[in-house]
Amino acid sequence: MNKTRSIAVAGRQPIKPQLSQLARKALLDALQPGSRERSAQMPPLRVEAATTPTAPRHLAAAQGGNAATREQQAASYDTCLRTYRDIARAQDGAPDADDVGAVMAFFVAINLHALHGADIEAQALQPLERQLRGLTRLAAQWDIATLAQRQFFFERIAIVSILMSRSLADARGAPAAMADVRRSAREYLQHVLGLNPDLVTLSDSGLVLRDMAGGRAATATPVHA
C-alpha cells in the first residue's frame, strides 16, 4: 500500500472539523506576547497508558483489506506506538503516564519539518508543548473525554507522527514521493492548527510567525511559551 495514503488514512480527523475555528483562535492566542504566563498555568495533559492499545486495530480497520492485511497493519501501527514511547522515554526518563501535550508537540514539529524543513531540536519541544496546551486540550476534547478517548487520542497522534517520520525518510531523493509527504503534512497542520501552516515555523522557543514577504524563519517574530 502507498505509504502516504497509509498516513492519510491513519491520521484522518486528528481534530474534529467543527473545532477548526476554535483551534485557530487557540493557536493565535498562544502566539501573542504574554502567552508564556497563561500556558504555564495550564497543567500538563497526561493520561495513563491503556493496558491494550486500541488505536492500532481501529486505524488498521479503516484501511480495509482482508483480515490478514488488517492484522499486519495493526502490528505495524503498534510498532509505531512503541517507537514513539521509546523516544519519549529517552527524552523524559521513565514517565508514569503518556503525555498528550508532548505527543502533539512532536506531531506538529515532525509535520513542520516535512513541510518546511524546519529543524527539530529537542530543547524546542518542551516550550512547544506548553505553547500548544490550549490547542491540544481543545483537539482532544480533554474536558469531556473519557479515559479511553484520551488514550485513543494519544495513541493515534503518536502513530501518525512516527508514520510521517518514516515516510519522510523513505521519500528523500524521490521528488514525487516527497511531494506526497509534504501534501499530507500540509493537510494535517491545516486541520490541527486551524490556519495556513506557511504562516508558522519552529524556533528554539517553539512556534514563530514566518516573514511571509521574504519567507525566511530568520526574520520571524519569536513567540515564547
C-alpha atoms as a PDB file:
ATOM      1  CA  MET A   1       0.000   0.000   0.000  1.00  0.00           C
ATOM      2  CA  ASN A   2       1.166   3.511  -0.750  1.00  0.00           C
ATOM      3  CA  LYS A   3       2.756   4.831   2.446  1.00  0.00           C
ATOM      4  CA  THR A   4       1.452   8.357   2.023  1.00  0.00           C
ATOM      5  CA  ARG A   5      -2.081   7.013   1.724  1.00  0.00           C
ATOM      6  CA  SER A   6      -1.399   4.921   4.824  1.00  0.00           C
ATOM      7  CA  ILE A   7      -0.521   8.097   6.735  1.00  0.00           C
ATOM      8  CA  ALA A   8      -3.641   9.860   5.492  1.00  0.00           C
ATOM      9  CA  VAL A   9      -5.947   7.009   6.468  1.00  0.00           C
ATOM     10  CA  ALA A  10      -4.308   6.509   9.855  1.00  0.00           C
ATOM     11  CA  GLY A  11      -4.421  10.177  10.725  1.00  0.00           C
ATOM     12  CA  ARG A  12      -7.795  11.122   9.365  1.00  0.00           C
ATOM     13  CA  GLN A  13      -9.501  13.727  11.529  1.00  0.00           C
ATOM     14  CA  PRO A  14      -6.970  14.110  14.385  1.00  0.00           C
ATOM     15  CA  ILE A  15      -9.186  17.051  15.379  1.00  0.00           C
ATOM     16  CA  LYS A  16     -12.891  17.310  14.584  1.00  0.00           C
ATOM     17  CA  PRO A  17     -13.594  19.666  11.664  1.00  0.00           C
ATOM     18  CA  GLN A  18     -16.090  21.787  13.597  1.00  0.00           C
ATOM     19  CA  LEU A  19     -13.316  22.678  16.055  1.00  0.00           C
ATOM     20  CA  SER A  20     -11.002  24.149  13.405  1.00  0.00           C
ATOM     21  CA  GLN A  21     -12.097  27.734  14.026  1.00  0.00           C
ATOM     22  CA  LEU A  22     -11.640  27.333  17.766  1.00  0.00           C
ATOM     23  CA  ALA A  23      -8.262  25.713  17.137  1.00  0.00           C
ATOM     24  CA  ARG A  24      -7.198  28.720  15.090  1.00  0.00           C
ATOM     25  CA  LYS A  25      -8.178  31.065  17.915  1.00  0.00           C
ATOM     26  CA  ALA A  26      -6.370  28.937  20.493  1.00  0.00           C
ATOM     27  CA  LEU A  27      -3.205  28.953  18.412  1.00  0.00           C
ATOM     28  CA  LEU A  28      -3.333  32.673  17.662  1.00  0.00           C
ATOM     29  CA  ASP A  29      -3.786  33.320  21.383  1.00  0.00           C
ATOM     30  CA  ALA A  30      -0.686  31.215  22.045  1.00  0.00           C
ATOM     31  CA  LEU A  31       1.285  33.301  19.542  1.00  0.00           C
ATOM     32  CA  GLN A  32       0.627  36.531  21.416  1.00  0.00           C
ATOM     33  CA  PRO A  33       3.010  38.238  23.870  1.00  0.00           C
ATOM     34  CA  GLY A  34       2.325  37.107  27.411  1.00  0.00           C
ATOM     35  CA  SER A  35       1.321  33.612  26.380  1.00  0.00           C
ATOM     36  CA  ARG A  36       4.156  32.154  28.492  1.00  0.00           C
ATOM     37  CA  GLU A  37       2.375  33.015  31.723  1.00  0.00           C
ATOM     38  CA  ARG A  38      -1.005  31.781  30.543  1.00  0.00           C
ATOM     39  CA  SER A  39       0.265  28.469  29.224  1.00  0.00           C
ATOM     40  CA  ALA A  40       2.367  27.857  32.345  1.00  0.00           C
ATOM     41  CA  GLN A  41      -0.823  27.921  34.397  1.00  0.00           C
ATOM     42  CA  MET A  42      -2.296  25.019  32.418  1.00  0.00           C
ATOM     43  CA  PRO A  43      -1.446  21.601  33.879  1.00  0.00           C
ATOM     44  CA  PRO A  44       0.282  19.041  31.626  1.00  0.00           C
ATOM     45  CA  LEU A  45      -2.106  16.736  29.766  1.00  0.00           C
ATOM     46  CA  ARG A  46      -1.119  13.274  30.926  1.00  0.00           C
ATOM     47  CA  VAL A  47      -3.045  10.017  30.785  1.00  0.00           C
ATOM     48  CA  GLU A  48      -2.221   6.526  31.970  1.00  0.00           C
ATOM     49  CA  ALA A  49      -1.355   4.163  29.151  1.00  0.00           C
ATOM     50  CA  ALA A  50      -4.019   1.684  28.120  1.00  0.00           C
ATOM     51  CA  THR A  51      -3.252  -1.905  29.055  1.00  0.00           C
ATOM     52  CA  THR A  52      -4.099  -2.863  25.460  1.00  0.00           C
ATOM     53  CA  PRO A  53      -3.851  -0.074  22.864  1.00  0.00           C
ATOM     54  CA  THR A  54      -6.996   0.362  20.790  1.00  0.00           C
ATOM     55  CA  ALA A  55      -5.792   2.740  18.077  1.00  0.00           C
ATOM     56  CA  PRO A  56      -3.661   0.233  16.092  1.00  0.00           C
ATOM     57  CA  ARG A  57      -6.595  -2.077  15.312  1.00  0.00           C
ATOM     58  CA  HIS A  58      -9.034   0.786  14.833  1.00  0.00           C
ATOM     59  CA  LEU A  59      -6.749   2.503  12.322  1.00  0.00           C
ATOM     60  CA  ALA A  60      -5.991  -0.783  10.572  1.00  0.00           C
ATOM     61  CA  ALA A  61      -9.709  -1.427  10.165  1.00  0.00           C
ATOM     62  CA  ALA A  62     -10.031   1.939   8.397  1.00  0.00           C
ATOM     63  CA  GLN A  63      -7.569   0.716   5.771  1.00  0.00           C
ATOM     64  CA  GLY A  64      -9.846  -2.051   4.598  1.00  0.00           C
ATOM     65  CA  GLY A  65      -8.452  -5.249   3.111  1.00  0.00           C
ATOM     66  CA  ASN A  66      -8.746  -8.794   4.365  1.00  0.00           C
ATOM     67  CA  ALA A  67      -8.243  -9.969   7.937  1.00  0.00           C
ATOM     68  CA  ALA A  68      -4.591 -10.904   7.404  1.00  0.00           C
ATOM     69  CA  THR A  69      -3.805  -7.487   5.909  1.00  0.00           C
ATOM     70  CA  ARG A  70      -5.551  -5.693   8.757  1.00  0.00           C
ATOM     71  CA  GLU A  71      -3.683  -7.781  11.309  1.00  0.00           C
ATOM     72  CA  GLN A  72      -0.371  -6.963   9.665  1.00  0.00           C
ATOM     73  CA  GLN A  73      -1.233  -3.269   9.529  1.00  0.00           C
ATOM     74  CA  ALA A  74      -2.297  -3.251  13.182  1.00  0.00           C
ATOM     75  CA  ALA A  75       1.030  -4.827  14.147  1.00  0.00           C
ATOM     76  CA  SER A  76       2.845  -2.121  12.187  1.00  0.00           C
ATOM     77  CA  TYR A  77       0.866   0.617  13.953  1.00  0.00           C
ATOM     78  CA  ASP A  78       1.565  -0.998  17.316  1.00  0.00           C
ATOM     79  CA  THR A  79       5.286  -0.855  16.489  1.00  0.00           C
ATOM     80  CA  CYS A  80       4.923   2.848  15.676  1.00  0.00           C
ATOM     81  CA  LEU A  81       3.319   3.443  19.066  1.00  0.00           C
ATOM     82  CA  ARG A  82       6.127   1.631  20.873  1.00  0.00           C
ATOM     83  CA  THR A  83       8.699   3.574  18.855  1.00  0.00           C
ATOM     84  CA  TYR A  84       7.207   6.888  19.927  1.00  0.00           C
ATOM     85  CA  ARG A  85       7.145   5.802  23.577  1.00  0.00           C
ATOM     86  CA  ASP A  86      10.802   4.786  23.311  1.00  0.00           C
ATOM     87  CA  ILE A  87      11.608   8.283  22.008  1.00  0.00           C
ATOM     88  CA  ALA A  88       9.610   9.918  24.808  1.00  0.00           C
ATOM     89  CA  ARG A  89      11.276   7.706  27.418  1.00  0.00           C
ATOM     90  CA  ALA A  90      14.732   8.610  26.122  1.00  0.00           C
ATOM     91  CA  GLN A  91      13.892  12.325  26.372  1.00  0.00           C
ATOM     92  CA  ASP A  92      11.981  12.363  29.650  1.00  0.00           C
ATOM     93  CA  GLY A  93      13.318   9.413  31.594  1.00  0.00           C
ATOM     94  CA  ALA A  94      10.596   6.939  32.544  1.00  0.00           C
ATOM     95  CA  PRO A  95       7.286   8.822  32.699  1.00  0.00           C
ATOM     96  CA  ASP A  96       4.457   7.207  34.634  1.00  0.00           C
ATOM     97  CA  ALA A  97       1.914   8.218  32.009  1.00  0.00           C
ATOM     98  CA  ASP A  98       1.625   9.222  28.362  1.00  0.00           C
ATOM     99  CA  ASP A  99       1.935  12.972  27.804  1.00  0.00           C
ATOM    100  CA  VAL A 100      -0.699  14.078  25.301  1.00  0.00           C
ATOM    101  CA  GLY A 101       0.755  17.579  25.087  1.00  0.00           C
ATOM    102  CA  ALA A 102       4.211  16.220  24.302  1.00  0.00           C
ATOM    103  CA  VAL A 103       2.917  13.965  21.524  1.00  0.00           C
ATOM    104  CA  MET A 104       1.040  16.886  19.967  1.00  0.00           C
ATOM    105  CA  ALA A 105       4.235  18.959  20.035  1.00  0.00           C
ATOM    106  CA  PHE A 106       6.121  16.129  18.341  1.00  0.00           C
ATOM    107  CA  PHE A 107       3.342  15.766  15.770  1.00  0.00           C
ATOM    108  CA  VAL A 108       3.416  19.472  14.881  1.00  0.00           C
ATOM    109  CA  ALA A 109       7.220  19.510  14.803  1.00  0.00           C
ATOM    110  CA  ILE A 110       7.597  16.487  12.508  1.00  0.00           C
ATOM    111  CA  ASN A 111       4.994  17.856  10.098  1.00  0.00           C
ATOM    112  CA  LEU A 112       6.643  21.290  10.010  1.00  0.00           C
ATOM    113  CA  HIS A 113       9.921  19.510   9.376  1.00  0.00           C
ATOM    114  CA  ALA A 114       8.358  17.634   6.463  1.00  0.00           C
ATOM    115  CA  LEU A 115       6.710  20.746   5.054  1.00  0.00           C
ATOM    116  CA  HIS A 116       9.360  23.434   5.579  1.00  0.00           C
ATOM    117  CA  GLY A 117      12.495  21.513   6.536  1.00  0.00           C
ATOM    118  CA  ALA A 118      12.310  23.146   9.974  1.00  0.00           C
ATOM    119  CA  ASP A 119      14.886  21.634  12.314  1.00  0.00           C
ATOM    120  CA  ILE A 120      13.525  19.656  15.254  1.00  0.00           C
ATOM    121  CA  GLU A 121      15.599  20.498  18.295  1.00  0.00           C
ATOM    122  CA  ALA A 122      14.895  18.583  21.498  1.00  0.00           C
ATOM    123  CA  GLN A 123      15.024  21.791  23.525  1.00  0.00           C
ATOM    124  CA  ALA A 124      12.280  23.315  21.357  1.00  0.00           C
ATOM    125  CA  LEU A 125       9.753  20.548  22.044  1.00  0.00           C
ATOM    126  CA  GLN A 126       9.181  21.495  25.678  1.00  0.00           C
ATOM    127  CA  PRO A 127       8.261  25.144  25.015  1.00  0.00           C
ATOM    128  CA  LEU A 128       6.242  23.988  22.019  1.00  0.00           C
ATOM    129  CA  GLU A 129       4.306  21.575  24.224  1.00  0.00           C
ATOM    130  CA  ARG A 130       3.490  24.352  26.697  1.00  0.00           C
ATOM    131  CA  GLN A 131       2.580  26.691  23.855  1.00  0.00           C
ATOM    132  CA  LEU A 132       0.149  24.166  22.372  1.00  0.00           C
ATOM    133  CA  ARG A 133      -1.540  23.063  25.606  1.00  0.00           C
ATOM    134  CA  GLY A 134      -4.678  25.081  24.972  1.00  0.00           C
ATOM    135  CA  LEU A 135      -4.952  23.814  21.409  1.00  0.00           C
ATOM    136  CA  THR A 136      -4.204  20.222  22.488  1.00  0.00           C
ATOM    137  CA  ARG A 137      -6.847  20.406  25.200  1.00  0.00           C
ATOM    138  CA  LEU A 138      -9.328  21.515  22.554  1.00  0.00           C
ATOM    139  CA  ALA A 139      -8.250  18.943  19.945  1.00  0.00           C
ATOM    140  CA  ALA A 140      -8.541  16.074  22.424  1.00  0.00           C
ATOM    141  CA  GLN A 141     -11.803  17.481  23.858  1.00  0.00           C
ATOM    142  CA  TRP A 142      -9.995  16.894  27.114  1.00  0.00           C
ATOM    143  CA  ASP A 143     -12.617  18.216  29.492  1.00  0.00           C
ATOM    144  CA  ILE A 144     -15.349  15.878  28.279  1.00  0.00           C
ATOM    145  CA  ALA A 145     -13.312  12.917  27.012  1.00  0.00           C
ATOM    146  CA  THR A 146     -13.388   9.583  28.815  1.00  0.00           C
ATOM    147  CA  LEU A 147     -10.182   7.859  29.849  1.00  0.00           C
ATOM    148  CA  ALA A 148     -10.420   5.566  26.822  1.00  0.00           C
ATOM    149  CA  GLN A 149     -10.923   8.528  24.480  1.00  0.00           C
ATOM    150  CA  ARG A 150      -7.881  10.337  25.898  1.00  0.00           C
ATOM    151  CA  GLN A 151      -5.806   7.184  25.495  1.00  0.00           C
ATOM    152  CA  PHE A 152      -7.004   6.707  21.929  1.00  0.00           C
ATOM    153  CA  PHE A 153      -6.207  10.324  21.028  1.00  0.00           C
ATOM    154  CA  PHE A 154      -2.650   9.925  22.326  1.00  0.00           C
ATOM    155  CA  GLU A 155      -2.136   6.630  20.519  1.00  0.00           C
ATOM    156  CA  ARG A 156      -3.389   7.937  17.181  1.00  0.00           C
ATOM    157  CA  ILE A 157      -1.240  11.075  17.226  1.00  0.00           C
ATOM    158  CA  ALA A 158       1.825   9.048  18.247  1.00  0.00           C
ATOM    159  CA  ILE A 159       1.280   6.522  15.447  1.00  0.00           C
ATOM    160  CA  VAL A 160       0.766   9.163  12.758  1.00  0.00           C
ATOM    161  CA  SER A 161       3.852  11.074  13.916  1.00  0.00           C
ATOM    162  CA  ILE A 162       6.064   8.035  13.510  1.00  0.00           C
ATOM    163  CA  LEU A 163       4.457   7.149  10.172  1.00  0.00           C
ATOM    164  CA  MET A 164       5.235  10.668   8.956  1.00  0.00           C
ATOM    165  CA  SER A 165       8.819  10.421  10.185  1.00  0.00           C
ATOM    166  CA  ARG A 166       9.359   7.098   8.413  1.00  0.00           C
ATOM    167  CA  SER A 167       7.681   8.206   5.194  1.00  0.00           C
ATOM    168  CA  LEU A 168       9.782  11.359   5.152  1.00  0.00           C
ATOM    169  CA  ALA A 169      12.963   9.293   5.474  1.00  0.00           C
ATOM    170  CA  ASP A 170      11.825   6.889   2.733  1.00  0.00           C
ATOM    171  CA  ALA A 171      10.925   9.766   0.377  1.00  0.00           C
ATOM    172  CA  ARG A 172      14.292  11.528   0.456  1.00  0.00           C
ATOM    173  CA  GLY A 173      15.751  11.684  -3.034  1.00  0.00           C
ATOM    174  CA  ALA A 174      12.386  10.888  -4.638  1.00  0.00           C
ATOM    175  CA  PRO A 175      10.671  14.178  -5.620  1.00  0.00           C
ATOM    176  CA  ALA A 176       7.214  12.697  -6.306  1.00  0.00           C
ATOM    177  CA  ALA A 177       7.164  10.803  -3.005  1.00  0.00           C
ATOM    178  CA  MET A 178       8.433  13.861  -1.123  1.00  0.00           C
ATOM    179  CA  ALA A 179       5.663  15.965  -2.678  1.00  0.00           C
ATOM    180  CA  ASP A 180       3.090  13.464  -1.414  1.00  0.00           C
ATOM    181  CA  VAL A 181       4.555  13.530   2.099  1.00  0.00           C
ATOM    182  CA  ARG A 182       4.543  17.329   2.131  1.00  0.00           C
ATOM    183  CA  ARG A 183       0.957  17.360   0.918  1.00  0.00           C
ATOM    184  CA  SER A 184      -0.060  15.148   3.828  1.00  0.00           C
ATOM    185  CA  ALA A 185       1.923  17.321   6.268  1.00  0.00           C
ATOM    186  CA  ARG A 186       0.208  20.452   4.997  1.00  0.00           C
ATOM    187  CA  GLU A 187      -3.246  18.879   5.365  1.00  0.00           C
ATOM    188  CA  TYR A 188      -2.505  17.697   8.905  1.00  0.00           C
ATOM    189  CA  LEU A 189      -1.192  21.067  10.030  1.00  0.00           C
ATOM    190  CA  GLN A 190      -4.030  22.972   8.391  1.00  0.00           C
ATOM    191  CA  HIS A 191      -6.526  20.689  10.088  1.00  0.00           C
ATOM    192  CA  VAL A 192      -4.937  20.678  13.541  1.00  0.00           C
ATOM    193  CA  LEU A 193      -3.719  24.278  13.754  1.00  0.00           C
ATOM    194  CA  GLY A 194      -6.711  25.793  12.011  1.00  0.00           C
ATOM    195  CA  LEU A 195      -4.575  28.091   9.860  1.00  0.00           C
ATOM    196  CA  ASN A 196      -2.242  28.093   6.870  1.00  0.00           C
ATOM    197  CA  PRO A 197       0.904  26.238   8.006  1.00  0.00           C
ATOM    198  CA  ASP A 198       3.020  28.525   5.812  1.00  0.00           C
ATOM    199  CA  LEU A 199       2.440  31.199   8.452  1.00  0.00           C
ATOM    200  CA  VAL A 200       4.466  29.401  11.116  1.00  0.00           C
ATOM    201  CA  THR A 201       7.704  27.532  11.656  1.00  0.00           C
ATOM    202  CA  LEU A 202       9.835  26.314  14.573  1.00  0.00           C
ATOM    203  CA  SER A 203      12.395  28.116  16.690  1.00  0.00           C
ATOM    204  CA  ASP A 204      14.167  27.316  19.958  1.00  0.00           C
ATOM    205  CA  SER A 205      11.245  28.917  21.782  1.00  0.00           C
ATOM    206  CA  GLY A 206       8.513  26.988  19.958  1.00  0.00           C
ATOM    207  CA  LEU A 207       6.344  28.249  17.118  1.00  0.00           C
ATOM    208  CA  VAL A 208       7.169  31.546  15.443  1.00  0.00           C
ATOM    209  CA  LEU A 209       5.412  33.557  12.781  1.00  0.00           C
ATOM    210  CA  ARG A 210       7.234  33.485   9.474  1.00  0.00           C
ATOM    211  CA  ASP A 211       8.103  36.567   7.441  1.00  0.00           C
ATOM    212  CA  MET A 212       5.680  35.927   4.601  1.00  0.00           C
ATOM    213  CA  ALA A 213       7.252  38.619   2.426  1.00  0.00           C
ATOM    214  CA  GLY A 214      10.666  37.004   2.469  1.00  0.00           C
ATOM    215  CA  GLY A 215       9.608  33.515   3.530  1.00  0.00           C
ATOM    216  CA  ARG A 216      12.519  33.344   5.966  1.00  0.00           C
ATOM    217  CA  ALA A 217      12.295  31.993   9.505  1.00  0.00           C
ATOM    218  CA  ALA A 218      15.298  34.164  10.386  1.00  0.00           C
ATOM    219  CA  THR A 219      13.094  37.248  10.218  1.00  0.00           C
ATOM    220  CA  ALA A 220      10.197  35.673  12.052  1.00  0.00           C
ATOM    221  CA  THR A 221       8.695  37.163  15.170  1.00  0.00           C
ATOM    222  CA  PRO A 222       9.539  34.880  18.114  1.00  0.00           C
ATOM    223  CA  VAL A 223       6.718  33.765  20.369  1.00  0.00           C
ATOM    224  CA  HIS A 224       7.563  32.363  23.764  1.00  0.00           C
ATOM    225  CA  ALA A 225       5.536  29.890  25.738  1.00  0.00           C
END
